[in-house]
Structures are given as structure tokens and as C-alpha cells.
């Protein structure tokens, strides 16, 4: 019998003087052997996905890994703005 576990860590990535606002955008990627699979991954993609045009107030990053995190793990950036 094998057991697979996972862990998620959320941390603030950046904060600006822009208001937090009501819009939320997300950018996701997988990291395989240290290489990012989504070449557009980042704050700009998250803001675009959330239709944020008035500036990003807060950006948070979530990293989810498992027992095989040295091979593959996931990253997600969530931004809040107007």
C-alpha cells in the first residue's frame, strides 16, 4: 500500500498602492523538472484573465507539491484589482 501526500503553501507575492478591487484573476502552471510549462505564467496573465485594467492591488502565489515535488509541482498566482 502506498500513500501519496500533498502540501499547499500560500504567500503574498506583491502589494501595490492600487486598490484591491472586486476583480480576481488567476494564472496557473505546472513545473516539470524545473521548467515552467505555461510560458505566459505571471501577474500579467492573471490580470488579463481577471480583466483587471486599473492596476493590481495584491498578488498571492500558491505552490502545491506532492511526494514527487522534485519532478513536478504546481504554481498559481492570484491577483486582485479593478
PDB file of N, CA and C in Angstrom:
ATOM      1  N   UNK A   1       0.844  -1.169   0.000  1.00  0.00           N
ATOM      2  CA  UNK A   1       0.000   0.000   0.000  1.00  0.00           C
ATOM      3  C   UNK A   1       0.893   1.238   0.000  1.00  0.00           C
ATOM      4  N   UNK A   2       0.585   2.193  -0.860  1.00  0.00           N
ATOM      5  CA  UNK A   2       1.370   3.427  -0.900  1.00  0.00           C
ATOM      6  C   UNK A   2       0.492   4.599  -0.506  1.00  0.00           C
ATOM      7  N   UNK A   3       1.136   5.602   0.020  1.00  0.00           N
ATOM      8  CA  UNK A   3       0.430   6.798   0.437  1.00  0.00           C
ATOM      9  C   UNK A   3       1.004   7.991  -0.304  1.00  0.00           C
ATOM     10  N   UNK A   4       0.144   8.767  -0.934  1.00  0.00           N
ATOM     11  CA  UNK A   4       0.566   9.990  -1.604  1.00  0.00           C
ATOM     12  C   UNK A   4       0.050  11.169  -0.800  1.00  0.00           C
ATOM     13  N   UNK A   5       0.909  12.122  -0.548  1.00  0.00           N
ATOM     14  CA  UNK A   5       0.510  13.304   0.189  1.00  0.00           C
ATOM     15  C   UNK A   5       0.812  14.537  -0.634  1.00  0.00           C
ATOM     16  N   UNK A   6       0.150  15.620  -0.298  1.00  0.00           N
ATOM     17  CA  UNK A   6       0.424  16.884  -0.966  1.00  0.00           C
ATOM     18  C   UNK A   6       0.396  18.006   0.056  1.00  0.00           C
ATOM     19  N   UNK A   7       0.974  19.112  -0.331  1.00  0.00           N
ATOM     20  CA  UNK A   7       1.065  20.273   0.547  1.00  0.00           C
ATOM     21  C   UNK A   7       0.891  21.524  -0.300  1.00  0.00           C
ATOM     22  N   UNK A   8       0.135  22.489   0.208  1.00  0.00           N
ATOM     23  CA  UNK A   8      -0.033  23.779  -0.468  1.00  0.00           C
ATOM     24  C   UNK A   8       0.446  24.882   0.456  1.00  0.00           C
ATOM     25  N   UNK A   9       1.169  25.818  -0.120  1.00  0.00           N
ATOM     26  CA  UNK A   9       1.660  26.968   0.637  1.00  0.00           C
ATOM     27  C   UNK A   9       1.229  28.235  -0.084  1.00  0.00           C
ATOM     28  N   UNK A  10       0.549  29.126   0.619  1.00  0.00           N
ATOM     29  CA  UNK A  10       0.148  30.429   0.076  1.00  0.00           C
ATOM     30  C   UNK A  10       1.043  31.495   0.682  1.00  0.00           C
ATOM     31  N   UNK A  11       1.470  32.444  -0.158  1.00  0.00           N
ATOM     32  CA  UNK A  11       2.269  33.551   0.356  1.00  0.00           C
ATOM     33  C   UNK A  11       2.010  34.785  -0.492  1.00  0.00           C
ATOM     34  N   UNK A  12       2.129  35.968   0.138  1.00  0.00           N
ATOM     35  CA  UNK A  12       1.977  37.187  -0.647  1.00  0.00           C
ATOM     36  C   UNK A  12       3.161  37.340  -1.591  1.00  0.00           C
ATOM     37  N   UNK A  13       2.869  37.758  -2.805  1.00  0.00           N
ATOM     38  CA  UNK A  13       3.911  37.937  -3.807  1.00  0.00           C
ATOM     39  C   UNK A  13       4.263  39.406  -3.952  1.00  0.00           C
ATOM     40  N   UNK A  14       3.233  40.260  -4.003  1.00  0.00           N
ATOM     41  CA  UNK A  14       3.473  41.704  -4.076  1.00  0.00           C
ATOM     42  C   UNK A  14       2.227  42.467  -3.650  1.00  0.00           C
ATOM     43  N   UNK A  15       2.449  43.701  -3.239  1.00  0.00           N
ATOM     44  CA  UNK A  15       1.376  44.605  -2.847  1.00  0.00           C
ATOM     45  C   UNK A  15       1.713  45.953  -3.469  1.00  0.00           C
ATOM     46  N   UNK A  16       0.696  46.644  -3.965  1.00  0.00           N
ATOM     47  CA  UNK A  16       0.927  47.962  -4.567  1.00  0.00           C
ATOM     48  C   UNK A  16      -0.024  48.979  -3.956  1.00  0.00           C
ATOM     49  N   UNK A  17       0.090  50.200  -4.407  1.00  0.00           N
ATOM     50  CA  UNK A  17      -0.781  51.270  -3.927  1.00  0.00           C
ATOM     51  C   UNK A  17      -2.152  51.237  -4.599  1.00  0.00           C
ATOM     52  N   UNK A  18      -2.318  50.385  -5.612  1.00  0.00           N
ATOM     53  CA  UNK A  18      -3.616  50.271  -6.295  1.00  0.00           C
ATOM     54  C   UNK A  18      -4.637  49.640  -5.344  1.00  0.00           C
ATOM     55  N   UNK A  19      -5.915  50.014  -5.489  1.00  0.00           N
ATOM     56  CA  UNK A  19      -6.941  49.399  -4.640  1.00  0.00           C
ATOM     57  C   UNK A  19      -7.082  47.910  -4.927  1.00  0.00           C
ATOM     58  N   UNK A  20      -7.476  47.156  -3.902  1.00  0.00           N
ATOM     59  CA  UNK A  20      -7.632  45.710  -4.070  1.00  0.00           C
ATOM     60  C   UNK A  20      -8.736  45.407  -5.073  1.00  0.00           C
ATOM     61  N   UNK A  21      -9.824  46.122  -5.029  1.00  0.00           N
ATOM     62  CA  UNK A  21     -10.876  45.981  -6.034  1.00  0.00           C
ATOM     63  C   UNK A  21     -11.693  44.712  -5.895  1.00  0.00           C
ATOM     64  N   UNK A  22     -12.575  44.509  -6.884  1.00  0.00           N
ATOM     65  CA  UNK A  22     -13.511  43.392  -6.845  1.00  0.00           C
ATOM     66  C   UNK A  22     -13.194  42.306  -7.868  1.00  0.00           C
ATOM     67  N   UNK A  23     -12.251  42.546  -8.746  1.00  0.00           N
ATOM     68  CA  UNK A  23     -11.924  41.558  -9.779  1.00  0.00           C
ATOM     69  C   UNK A  23     -10.775  40.674  -9.319  1.00  0.00           C
ATOM     70  N   UNK A  24     -10.862  39.414  -9.724  1.00  0.00           N
ATOM     71  CA  UNK A  24      -9.851  38.427  -9.361  1.00  0.00           C
ATOM     72  C   UNK A  24      -9.395  37.718 -10.629  1.00  0.00           C
ATOM     73  N   UNK A  25      -8.102  37.586 -10.787  1.00  0.00           N
ATOM     74  CA  UNK A  25      -7.544  36.876 -11.932  1.00  0.00           C
ATOM     75  C   UNK A  25      -6.572  35.821 -11.467  1.00  0.00           C
ATOM     76  N   UNK A  26      -6.457  34.742 -12.246  1.00  0.00           N
ATOM     77  CA  UNK A  26      -5.598  33.620 -11.870  1.00  0.00           C
ATOM     78  C   UNK A  26      -4.733  33.214 -13.055  1.00  0.00           C
ATOM     79  N   UNK A  27      -3.482  32.890 -12.765  1.00  0.00           N
ATOM     80  CA  UNK A  27      -2.553  32.310 -13.737  1.00  0.00           C
ATOM     81  C   UNK A  27      -2.009  31.033 -13.125  1.00  0.00           C
ATOM     82  N   UNK A  28      -2.039  29.935 -13.885  1.00  0.00           N
ATOM     83  CA  UNK A  28      -1.592  28.634 -13.377  1.00  0.00           C
ATOM     84  C   UNK A  28      -0.538  28.033 -14.291  1.00  0.00           C
ATOM     85  N   UNK A  29       0.335  27.245 -13.694  1.00  0.00           N
ATOM     86  CA  UNK A  29       1.313  26.494 -14.470  1.00  0.00           C
ATOM     87  C   UNK A  29       1.754  25.261 -13.691  1.00  0.00           C
ATOM     88  N   UNK A  30       2.306  24.339 -14.406  1.00  0.00           N
ATOM     89  CA  UNK A  30       2.979  23.203 -13.816  1.00  0.00           C
ATOM     90  C   UNK A  30       4.467  23.378 -14.031  1.00  0.00           C
ATOM     91  N   UNK A  31       5.260  22.840 -13.117  1.00  0.00           N
ATOM     92  CA  UNK A  31       6.714  22.910 -13.239  1.00  0.00           C
ATOM     93  C   UNK A  31       7.219  21.473 -13.301  1.00  0.00           C
ATOM     94  N   UNK A  32       7.797  21.117 -14.434  1.00  0.00           N
ATOM     95  CA  UNK A  32       8.284  19.761 -14.666  1.00  0.00           C
ATOM     96  C   UNK A  32       9.796  19.806 -14.797  1.00  0.00           C
ATOM     97  N   UNK A  33      10.485  19.148 -13.888  1.00  0.00           N
ATOM     98  CA  UNK A  33      11.948  19.135 -13.855  1.00  0.00           C
ATOM     99  C   UNK A  33      12.522  20.552 -13.901  1.00  0.00           C
ATOM    100  N   UNK A  34      11.882  21.501 -13.209  1.00  0.00           N
ATOM    101  CA  UNK A  34      12.360  22.871 -13.127  1.00  0.00           C
ATOM    102  C   UNK A  34      11.936  23.773 -14.273  1.00  0.00           C
ATOM    103  N   UNK A  35      11.286  23.227 -15.291  1.00  0.00           N
ATOM    104  CA  UNK A  35      10.838  24.025 -16.436  1.00  0.00           C
ATOM    105  C   UNK A  35       9.369  24.370 -16.323  1.00  0.00           C
ATOM    106  N   UNK A  36       9.044  25.649 -16.502  1.00  0.00           N
ATOM    107  CA  UNK A  36       7.656  26.111 -16.427  1.00  0.00           C
ATOM    108  C   UNK A  36       6.946  25.753 -17.725  1.00  0.00           C
ATOM    109  N   UNK A  37       5.782  25.097 -17.610  1.00  0.00           N
ATOM    110  CA  UNK A  37       5.047  24.641 -18.785  1.00  0.00           C
ATOM    111  C   UNK A  37       4.253  25.758 -19.461  1.00  0.00           C
ATOM    112  N   UNK A  38       3.711  26.705 -18.676  1.00  0.00           N
ATOM    113  CA  UNK A  38       2.934  27.826 -19.224  1.00  0.00           C
ATOM    114  C   UNK A  38       3.884  29.008 -19.385  1.00  0.00           C
ATOM    115  N   UNK A  39       4.283  29.316 -20.582  1.00  0.00           N
ATOM    116  CA  UNK A  39       5.247  30.387 -20.832  1.00  0.00           C
ATOM    117  C   UNK A  39       4.674  31.771 -20.538  1.00  0.00           C
ATOM    118  N   UNK A  40       3.355  31.918 -20.435  1.00  0.00           N
ATOM    119  CA  UNK A  40       2.719  33.198 -20.119  1.00  0.00           C
ATOM    120  C   UNK A  40       2.459  33.372 -18.629  1.00  0.00           C
ATOM    121  N   UNK A  41       2.864  32.411 -17.818  1.00  0.00           N
ATOM    122  CA  UNK A  41       2.605  32.425 -16.383  1.00  0.00           C
ATOM    123  C   UNK A  41       3.148  33.691 -15.735  1.00  0.00           C
ATOM    124  N   UNK A  42       2.295  34.364 -14.954  1.00  0.00           N
ATOM    125  CA  UNK A  42       2.746  35.532 -14.221  1.00  0.00           C
ATOM    126  C   UNK A  42       1.608  36.468 -13.853  1.00  0.00           C
ATOM    127  N   UNK A  43       1.978  37.579 -13.261  1.00  0.00           N
ATOM    128  CA  UNK A  43       0.998  38.573 -12.823  1.00  0.00           C
ATOM    129  C   UNK A  43       0.252  39.161 -14.010  1.00  0.00           C
ATOM    130  N   UNK A  44       0.957  39.402 -15.115  1.00  0.00           N
ATOM    131  CA  UNK A  44       0.305  39.993 -16.296  1.00  0.00           C
ATOM    132  C   UNK A  44      -0.776  39.068 -16.847  1.00  0.00           C
ATOM    133  N   UNK A  45      -0.500  37.767 -16.924  1.00  0.00           N
ATOM    134  CA  UNK A  45      -1.514  36.829 -17.418  1.00  0.00           C
ATOM    135  C   UNK A  45      -2.697  36.763 -16.455  1.00  0.00           C
ATOM    136  N   UNK A  46      -2.425  36.738 -15.148  1.00  0.00           N
ATOM    137  CA  UNK A  46      -3.507  36.694 -14.166  1.00  0.00           C
ATOM    138  C   UNK A  46      -4.387  37.934 -14.271  1.00  0.00           C
ATOM    139  N   UNK A  47      -3.772  39.118 -14.414  1.00  0.00           N
ATOM    140  CA  UNK A  47      -4.549  40.358 -14.558  1.00  0.00           C
ATOM    141  C   UNK A  47      -5.380  40.323 -15.836  1.00  0.00           C
ATOM    142  N   UNK A  48      -4.804  39.819 -16.915  1.00  0.00           N
ATOM    143  CA  UNK A  48      -5.543  39.698 -18.179  1.00  0.00           C
ATOM    144  C   UNK A  48      -6.729  38.743 -18.018  1.00  0.00           C
ATOM    145  N   UNK A  49      -6.508  37.602 -17.382  1.00  0.00           N
ATOM    146  CA  UNK A  49      -7.583  36.619 -17.182  1.00  0.00           C
ATOM    147  C   UNK A  49      -8.706  37.161 -16.313  1.00  0.00           C
ATOM    148  N   UNK A  50      -8.385  38.060 -15.365  1.00  0.00           N
ATOM    149  CA  UNK A  50      -9.403  38.654 -14.497  1.00  0.00           C
ATOM    150  C   UNK A  50      -9.961  39.964 -15.023  1.00  0.00           C
ATOM    151  N   UNK A  51      -9.541  40.354 -16.245  1.00  0.00           N
ATOM    152  CA  UNK A  51      -9.987  41.609 -16.859  1.00  0.00           C
ATOM    153  C   UNK A  51      -9.697  42.812 -15.954  1.00  0.00           C
ATOM    154  N   UNK A  52      -8.531  42.781 -15.302  1.00  0.00           N
ATOM    155  CA  UNK A  52      -8.098  43.868 -14.424  1.00  0.00           C
ATOM    156  C   UNK A  52      -7.328  44.873 -15.271  1.00  0.00           C
ATOM    157  N   UNK A  53      -7.845  46.093 -15.362  1.00  0.00           N
ATOM    158  CA  UNK A  53      -7.202  47.125 -16.176  1.00  0.00           C
ATOM    159  C   UNK A  53      -6.750  48.313 -15.340  1.00  0.00           C
ATOM    160  N   UNK A  54      -7.245  48.443 -14.115  1.00  0.00           N
ATOM    161  CA  UNK A  54      -6.936  49.600 -13.285  1.00  0.00           C
ATOM    162  C   UNK A  54      -5.787  49.396 -12.328  1.00  0.00           C
ATOM    163  N   UNK A  55      -5.010  48.363 -12.483  1.00  0.00           N
ATOM    164  CA  UNK A  55      -3.886  48.096 -11.592  1.00  0.00           C
ATOM    165  C   UNK A  55      -4.176  46.961 -10.633  1.00  0.00           C
ATOM    166  N   UNK A  56      -3.134  46.222 -10.313  1.00  0.00           N
ATOM    167  CA  UNK A  56      -3.226  45.092  -9.391  1.00  0.00           C
ATOM    168  C   UNK A  56      -2.886  45.574  -7.994  1.00  0.00           C
ATOM    169  N   UNK A  57      -3.773  45.330  -7.037  1.00  0.00           N
ATOM    170  CA  UNK A  57      -3.547  45.741  -5.658  1.00  0.00           C
ATOM    171  C   UNK A  57      -2.733  44.738  -4.872  1.00  0.00           C
ATOM    172  N   UNK A  58      -3.043  43.459  -5.046  1.00  0.00           N
ATOM    173  CA  UNK A  58      -2.373  42.390  -4.311  1.00  0.00           C
ATOM    174  C   UNK A  58      -2.185  41.203  -5.238  1.00  0.00           C
ATOM    175  N   UNK A  59      -1.035  40.543  -5.112  1.00  0.00           N
ATOM    176  CA  UNK A  59      -0.781  39.301  -5.843  1.00  0.00           C
ATOM    177  C   UNK A  59      -0.301  38.254  -4.844  1.00  0.00           C
ATOM    178  N   UNK A  60      -0.932  37.079  -4.869  1.00  0.00           N
ATOM    179  CA  UNK A  60      -0.563  35.975  -3.992  1.00  0.00           C
ATOM    180  C   UNK A  60      -0.109  34.791  -4.839  1.00  0.00           C
ATOM    181  N   UNK A  61       0.839  34.018  -4.311  1.00  0.00           N
ATOM    182  CA  UNK A  61       1.284  32.812  -5.006  1.00  0.00           C
ATOM    183  C   UNK A  61       0.982  31.589  -4.149  1.00  0.00           C
ATOM    184  N   UNK A  62       0.478  30.559  -4.802  1.00  0.00           N
ATOM    185  CA  UNK A  62       0.201  29.285  -4.156  1.00  0.00           C
ATOM    186  C   UNK A  62       1.059  28.225  -4.852  1.00  0.00           C
ATOM    187  N   UNK A  63       1.797  27.462  -4.065  1.00  0.00           N
ATOM    188  CA  UNK A  63       2.615  26.379  -4.598  1.00  0.00           C
ATOM    189  C   UNK A  63       2.091  25.083  -3.996  1.00  0.00           C
ATOM    190  N   UNK A  64       1.744  24.141  -4.856  1.00  0.00           N
ATOM    191  CA  UNK A  64       1.233  22.846  -4.421  1.00  0.00           C
ATOM    192  C   UNK A  64       2.217  21.766  -4.859  1.00  0.00           C
ATOM    193  N   UNK A  65       2.685  21.015  -3.900  1.00  0.00           N
ATOM    194  CA  UNK A  65       3.632  19.951  -4.217  1.00  0.00           C
ATOM    195  C   UNK A  65       3.166  18.646  -3.599  1.00  0.00           C
ATOM    196  N   UNK A  66       3.773  17.581  -4.039  1.00  0.00           N
ATOM    197  CA  UNK A  66       3.453  16.252  -3.520  1.00  0.00           C
ATOM    198  C   UNK A  66       4.748  15.548  -3.176  1.00  0.00           C
ATOM    199  N   UNK A  67       4.649  14.286  -2.939  1.00  0.00           N
ATOM    200  CA  UNK A  67       5.826  13.493  -2.616  1.00  0.00           C
ATOM    201  C   UNK A  67       6.828  13.494  -3.785  1.00  0.00           C
ATOM    202  N   UNK A  68       6.342  13.770  -4.980  1.00  0.00           N
ATOM    203  CA  UNK A  68       7.204  13.806  -6.168  1.00  0.00           C
ATOM    204  C   UNK A  68       7.539  15.242  -6.573  1.00  0.00           C
ATOM    205  N   UNK A  69       7.606  16.167  -5.618  1.00  0.00           N
ATOM    206  CA  UNK A  69       7.793  17.583  -5.938  1.00  0.00           C
ATOM    207  C   UNK A  69       9.128  17.867  -6.619  1.00  0.00           C
ATOM    208  N   UNK A  70      10.087  16.993  -6.506  1.00  0.00           N
ATOM    209  CA  UNK A  70      11.356  17.196  -7.207  1.00  0.00           C
ATOM    210  C   UNK A  70      11.187  16.972  -8.711  1.00  0.00           C
ATOM    211  N   UNK A  71      10.088  16.329  -9.116  1.00  0.00           N
ATOM    212  CA  UNK A  71       9.808  16.090 -10.532  1.00  0.00           C
ATOM    213  C   UNK A  71       8.760  17.071 -11.051  1.00  0.00           C
ATOM    214  N   UNK A  72       7.658  17.217 -10.320  1.00  0.00           N
ATOM    215  CA  UNK A  72       6.538  18.038 -10.798  1.00  0.00           C
ATOM    216  C   UNK A  72       5.828  18.690  -9.617  1.00  0.00           C
ATOM    217  N   UNK A  73       5.504  19.983  -9.766  1.00  0.00           N
ATOM    218  CA  UNK A  73       4.654  20.686  -8.813  1.00  0.00           C
ATOM    219  C   UNK A  73       3.887  21.779  -9.549  1.00  0.00           C
ATOM    220  N   UNK A  74       2.900  22.373  -8.869  1.00  0.00           N
ATOM    221  CA  UNK A  74       2.035  23.379  -9.492  1.00  0.00           C
ATOM    222  C   UNK A  74       2.227  24.736  -8.824  1.00  0.00           C
ATOM    223  N   UNK A  75       2.114  25.794  -9.634  1.00  0.00           N
ATOM    224  CA  UNK A  75       2.137  27.165  -9.129  1.00  0.00           C
ATOM    225  C   UNK A  75       0.890  27.887  -9.618  1.00  0.00           C
ATOM    226  N   UNK A  76       0.375  28.767  -8.769  1.00  0.00           N
ATOM    227  CA  UNK A  76      -0.792  29.573  -9.128  1.00  0.00           C
ATOM    228  C   UNK A  76      -0.603  30.973  -8.573  1.00  0.00           C
ATOM    229  N   UNK A  77      -0.791  31.986  -9.408  1.00  0.00           N
ATOM    230  CA  UNK A  77      -0.782  33.375  -8.970  1.00  0.00           C
ATOM    231  C   UNK A  77      -2.208  33.896  -9.037  1.00  0.00           C
ATOM    232  N   UNK A  78      -2.666  34.473  -7.937  1.00  0.00           N
ATOM    233  CA  UNK A  78      -3.982  35.088  -7.871  1.00  0.00           C
ATOM    234  C   UNK A  78      -3.796  36.581  -7.621  1.00  0.00           C
ATOM    235  N   UNK A  79      -4.417  37.400  -8.471  1.00  0.00           N
ATOM    236  CA  UNK A  79      -4.310  38.849  -8.323  1.00  0.00           C
ATOM    237  C   UNK A  79      -5.687  39.459  -8.068  1.00  0.00           C
ATOM    238  N   UNK A  80      -5.685  40.574  -7.360  1.00  0.00           N
ATOM    239  CA  UNK A  80      -6.912  41.298  -7.027  1.00  0.00           C
ATOM    240  C   UNK A  80      -6.749  42.743  -7.457  1.00  0.00           C
ATOM    241  N   UNK A  81      -7.746  43.289  -8.128  1.00  0.00           N
ATOM    242  CA  UNK A  81      -7.669  44.682  -8.574  1.00  0.00           C
ATOM    243  C   UNK A  81      -8.963  45.149  -9.207  1.00  0.00           C
ATOM    244  N   UNK A  82      -8.886  46.260  -9.929  1.00  0.00           N
ATOM    245  CA  UNK A  82     -10.054  46.833 -10.616  1.00  0.00           C
ATOM    246  C   UNK A  82      -9.910  46.717 -12.112  1.00  0.00           C
TER     247      UNK A  82
END
